């Protein structure tokens, strides 16, 4: 049993209460490796349900959102590599994806904080984190061999989330401080080639490209009735 603990306190005008979500990590959700089959274009994701007549649980929404966040993170990594920034191993690529996932999950939580009640928000973030951790477990195990790769991702999500929670989100979007911190986190796990420009690339290009598919997914996945 692995416990997910998502905590954070946001110091803004509309303060978001701290929350905790506990989930048992069982089963696995399999995805294609990081960027092996992606093209160098803006990520396009399907975020509408195929069967529109059926009610969806918060858990199902979290799983669908996790798939989309993973694809956005893949595209962010691919963009950085296409710009000539250095990654040397598949493990390092997973580190970069992990930073994107921690950032995107925090944004998803903040963006849904006012439209979901405390229980729904807790369930959504627990499901989202669970599915992301399961996917990371599968991909890391293929690259690095057997081991626990869920726990480190959850720890990273918690650590980054506590710091992102200190950053304002004017008009519901990440501000300068949050984008810079994210850029610095990505820089820290990338290679040395042109390393000093990575933070600017993340702030000026990767964040603006990640927001539209993220916002679209959160809007459309929650547009149908929830069970």
Protein backbone atom coordinates (compact mmCIF):
# COMPACT_ATOMS: atom_id res chain seq x y z
CA UNK A 1 0.00 0.00 0.00
CA UNK A 2 1.29 3.39 -0.95
CA UNK A 3 -0.22 6.52 0.51
CA UNK A 4 -0.72 9.65 -1.56
CA UNK A 5 -0.63 12.79 0.50
CA UNK A 6 -1.36 15.98 -1.41
CA UNK A 7 -1.02 19.03 0.77
CA UNK A 8 -0.67 22.70 0.11
CA UNK A 9 -1.73 26.09 1.27
CA UNK A 10 -2.18 28.87 -1.24
CA UNK A 11 -1.53 32.36 -0.05
CA UNK A 12 -3.85 34.33 -2.28
CA UNK A 13 -6.94 36.44 -1.85
CA UNK A 14 -9.13 33.37 -2.25
CA UNK A 15 -7.13 30.98 -0.09
CA UNK A 16 -7.55 27.31 -0.94
CA UNK A 17 -7.74 25.05 2.13
CA UNK A 18 -5.08 22.42 2.61
CA UNK A 19 -6.20 18.98 1.52
CA UNK A 20 -5.14 15.38 1.92
CA UNK A 21 -5.94 12.49 -0.39
CA UNK A 22 -5.24 8.85 0.36
CA UNK A 23 -5.36 6.11 -2.24
CA UNK A 24 -4.10 2.57 -2.59
CA UNK A 25 -1.93 2.20 -5.65
CA UNK A 26 -2.93 -1.07 -7.30
CA UNK A 27 -3.10 -2.16 -10.90
CA UNK A 28 -1.39 -0.33 -13.74
CA UNK A 29 -2.23 1.90 -16.67
CA UNK A 30 0.08 1.41 -19.61
CA UNK A 31 1.20 4.20 -21.92
CA UNK A 32 3.70 4.53 -24.75
CA UNK A 33 7.18 5.54 -23.67
CA UNK A 34 8.00 9.19 -23.25
CA UNK A 35 8.37 10.58 -26.74
CA UNK A 36 9.16 7.61 -28.92
CA UNK A 37 6.21 8.09 -31.29
CA UNK A 38 5.31 11.77 -30.93
CA UNK A 39 5.75 14.29 -33.70
CA UNK A 40 7.22 17.74 -33.18
CA UNK A 41 3.91 19.58 -33.19
CA UNK A 42 1.63 21.07 -30.59
CA UNK A 43 0.04 18.32 -28.58
CA UNK A 44 -3.57 17.58 -29.45
CA UNK A 45 -5.54 15.51 -27.02
CA UNK A 46 -8.98 13.96 -27.06
CA UNK A 47 -10.80 15.20 -23.99
CA UNK A 48 -14.43 14.34 -24.79
CA UNK A 49 -16.14 11.18 -23.65
CA UNK A 50 -17.07 8.69 -26.37
CA UNK A 51 -20.33 7.73 -24.63
CA UNK A 52 -21.86 11.05 -23.70
CA UNK A 53 -24.97 9.56 -22.17
CA UNK A 54 -23.24 7.83 -19.26
CA UNK A 55 -22.44 9.49 -15.96
CA UNK A 56 -18.75 9.58 -15.07
CA UNK A 57 -17.28 9.20 -11.62
CA UNK A 58 -14.66 11.58 -10.29
CA UNK A 59 -12.26 8.64 -10.32
CA UNK A 60 -12.84 8.12 -14.05
CA UNK A 61 -12.31 11.81 -14.73
CA UNK A 62 -9.03 11.64 -12.83
CA UNK A 63 -7.88 8.71 -14.94
CA UNK A 64 -8.74 10.45 -18.20
CA UNK A 65 -7.05 13.64 -17.02
CA UNK A 66 -3.92 11.66 -16.10
CA UNK A 67 -3.65 10.34 -19.66
CA UNK A 68 -3.85 13.89 -21.01
CA UNK A 69 -1.33 15.27 -18.51
CA UNK A 70 1.08 12.52 -19.50
CA UNK A 71 0.76 13.43 -23.16
CA UNK A 72 1.30 17.12 -22.44
CA UNK A 73 4.41 16.24 -20.44
CA UNK A 74 5.68 14.05 -23.28
CA UNK A 75 5.25 16.90 -25.72
CA UNK A 76 7.07 19.31 -23.42
CA UNK A 77 10.04 16.97 -23.25
CA UNK A 78 10.05 16.50 -27.02
CA UNK A 79 9.94 20.26 -27.56
CA UNK A 80 12.98 20.75 -25.35
CA UNK A 81 14.90 18.04 -27.17
CA UNK A 82 13.95 19.46 -30.56
CA UNK A 83 15.33 22.82 -29.44
CA UNK A 84 18.68 21.13 -28.86
CA UNK A 85 18.59 20.86 -25.10
CA UNK A 86 20.36 17.80 -23.80
CA UNK A 87 18.97 14.56 -22.38
CA UNK A 88 21.32 11.58 -22.25
CA UNK A 89 19.24 8.66 -20.98
CA UNK A 90 15.65 7.47 -20.87
CA UNK A 91 15.81 7.74 -17.09
CA UNK A 92 16.69 11.41 -17.43
CA UNK A 93 13.75 11.86 -19.77
CA UNK A 94 11.50 10.35 -17.10
CA UNK A 95 12.91 12.90 -14.63
CA UNK A 96 11.91 15.73 -16.97
CA UNK A 97 8.44 14.25 -17.45
CA UNK A 98 8.10 13.98 -13.67
CA UNK A 99 8.72 17.71 -13.28
CA UNK A 100 6.09 18.46 -15.92
CA UNK A 101 3.60 16.14 -14.20
CA UNK A 102 4.11 17.75 -10.78
CA UNK A 103 3.55 21.18 -12.31
CA UNK A 104 0.50 20.15 -14.34
CA UNK A 105 -1.13 18.28 -11.45
CA UNK A 106 -0.76 21.33 -9.23
CA UNK A 107 -2.33 23.52 -11.89
CA UNK A 108 -5.22 21.08 -12.30
CA UNK A 109 -5.85 21.15 -8.57
CA UNK A 110 -5.77 24.93 -8.34
CA UNK A 111 -7.94 25.39 -11.41
CA UNK A 112 -10.68 23.07 -10.10
CA UNK A 113 -10.53 24.27 -6.49
CA UNK A 114 -13.55 26.54 -6.77
CA UNK A 115 -15.80 24.35 -8.91
CA UNK A 116 -15.38 21.15 -6.87
CA UNK A 117 -16.33 20.72 -3.25
CA UNK A 118 -13.70 19.46 -0.80
CA UNK A 119 -14.65 15.80 -1.17
CA UNK A 120 -14.77 15.92 -4.98
CA UNK A 121 -11.48 17.77 -5.15
CA UNK A 122 -9.83 15.22 -2.87
CA UNK A 123 -11.11 12.32 -4.95
CA UNK A 124 -10.09 13.95 -8.23
CA UNK A 125 -6.52 14.66 -7.15
CA UNK A 126 -6.17 11.21 -5.55
CA UNK A 127 -7.28 9.55 -8.81
CA UNK A 128 -5.09 11.80 -10.93
CA UNK A 129 -2.02 11.14 -8.79
CA UNK A 130 -2.73 7.40 -8.62
CA UNK A 131 -2.97 7.01 -12.39
CA UNK A 132 0.13 9.11 -13.00
CA UNK A 133 2.08 7.10 -10.43
CA UNK A 134 0.98 3.82 -11.99
CA UNK A 135 2.04 5.02 -15.42
CA UNK A 136 5.40 6.16 -14.08
CA UNK A 137 5.86 2.77 -12.39
CA UNK A 138 5.36 0.97 -15.70
CA UNK A 139 7.65 3.23 -17.69
CA UNK A 140 10.44 3.43 -15.10
CA UNK A 141 10.38 -0.33 -14.56
CA UNK A 142 10.88 -0.89 -18.28
CA UNK A 143 13.84 1.51 -18.28
CA UNK A 144 15.48 0.92 -14.90
CA UNK A 145 14.29 -2.51 -13.80
CA UNK A 146 11.96 -3.49 -11.00
CA UNK A 147 11.57 -1.18 -8.02
CA UNK A 148 9.24 1.33 -6.43
CA UNK A 149 8.81 4.30 -8.76
CA UNK A 150 5.38 5.36 -7.56
CA UNK A 151 6.62 6.62 -4.20
CA UNK A 152 9.31 8.97 -5.58
CA UNK A 153 6.83 10.59 -7.97
CA UNK A 154 4.33 11.16 -5.16
CA UNK A 155 7.09 12.64 -3.02
CA UNK A 156 8.05 14.95 -5.86
CA UNK A 157 4.42 16.00 -6.36
CA UNK A 158 4.14 16.85 -2.68
CA UNK A 159 7.43 18.70 -2.51
CA UNK A 160 6.83 20.73 -5.65
CA UNK A 161 3.20 21.32 -4.76
CA UNK A 162 4.12 22.86 -1.41
CA UNK A 163 6.38 25.32 -3.22
CA UNK A 164 4.00 26.01 -6.11
CA UNK A 165 1.29 26.73 -3.53
CA UNK A 166 3.26 29.78 -2.43
CA UNK A 167 3.05 31.25 -5.94
CA UNK A 168 0.08 33.39 -7.05
CA UNK A 169 -2.02 32.52 -10.07
CA UNK A 170 -3.36 35.81 -11.43
CA UNK A 171 -6.55 35.30 -13.44
CA UNK A 172 -6.29 31.58 -12.75
CA UNK A 173 -3.04 31.10 -14.68
CA UNK A 174 0.52 30.55 -13.42
CA UNK A 175 2.35 33.78 -12.67
CA UNK A 176 5.99 34.67 -13.13
CA UNK A 177 7.20 33.12 -9.87
CA UNK A 178 5.53 29.78 -10.54
CA UNK A 179 6.76 29.60 -14.12
CA UNK A 180 10.31 30.47 -13.09
CA UNK A 181 10.36 27.86 -10.35
CA UNK A 182 9.05 25.26 -12.78
CA UNK A 183 11.72 26.24 -15.29
CA UNK A 184 14.44 25.94 -12.69
CA UNK A 185 13.19 22.49 -11.68
CA UNK A 186 13.32 21.31 -15.29
CA UNK A 187 16.76 22.86 -15.77
CA UNK A 188 18.08 20.94 -12.77
CA UNK A 189 17.31 17.55 -14.36
CA UNK A 190 18.34 18.37 -17.94
CA UNK A 191 21.83 17.99 -19.43
CA UNK A 192 24.47 20.69 -19.50
CA UNK A 193 24.18 21.73 -23.18
CA UNK A 194 22.81 25.31 -23.36
CA UNK A 195 21.52 24.69 -19.85
CA UNK A 196 21.28 28.36 -18.96
CA UNK A 197 18.54 28.90 -21.56
CA UNK A 198 16.22 26.10 -20.44
CA UNK A 199 14.37 28.14 -17.82
CA UNK A 200 13.56 30.83 -20.39
CA UNK A 201 12.39 28.18 -22.87
CA UNK A 202 10.09 26.64 -20.26
CA UNK A 203 8.67 30.00 -19.17
CA UNK A 204 8.24 31.52 -22.60
CA UNK A 205 7.30 28.49 -24.70
CA UNK A 206 6.50 25.30 -22.80
CA UNK A 207 4.10 26.75 -20.24
CA UNK A 208 2.09 28.73 -22.82
CA UNK A 209 1.87 25.61 -25.03
CA UNK A 210 0.80 23.36 -22.15
CA UNK A 211 -2.02 25.56 -20.88
CA UNK A 212 -4.52 25.31 -23.79
CA UNK A 213 -4.75 21.49 -23.83
CA UNK A 214 -4.81 21.42 -20.02
CA UNK A 215 -7.61 23.98 -19.80
CA UNK A 216 -9.53 22.26 -22.59
CA UNK A 217 -9.26 18.90 -20.86
CA UNK A 218 -10.41 20.22 -17.49
CA UNK A 219 -13.31 22.01 -19.11
CA UNK A 220 -14.53 19.14 -21.28
CA UNK A 221 -13.89 16.22 -18.93
CA UNK A 222 -16.03 17.90 -16.29
CA UNK A 223 -18.71 19.03 -18.74
CA UNK A 224 -20.80 15.85 -18.43
CA UNK A 225 -22.75 14.74 -15.38
CA UNK A 226 -20.71 13.17 -12.62
CA UNK A 227 -21.91 10.07 -10.83
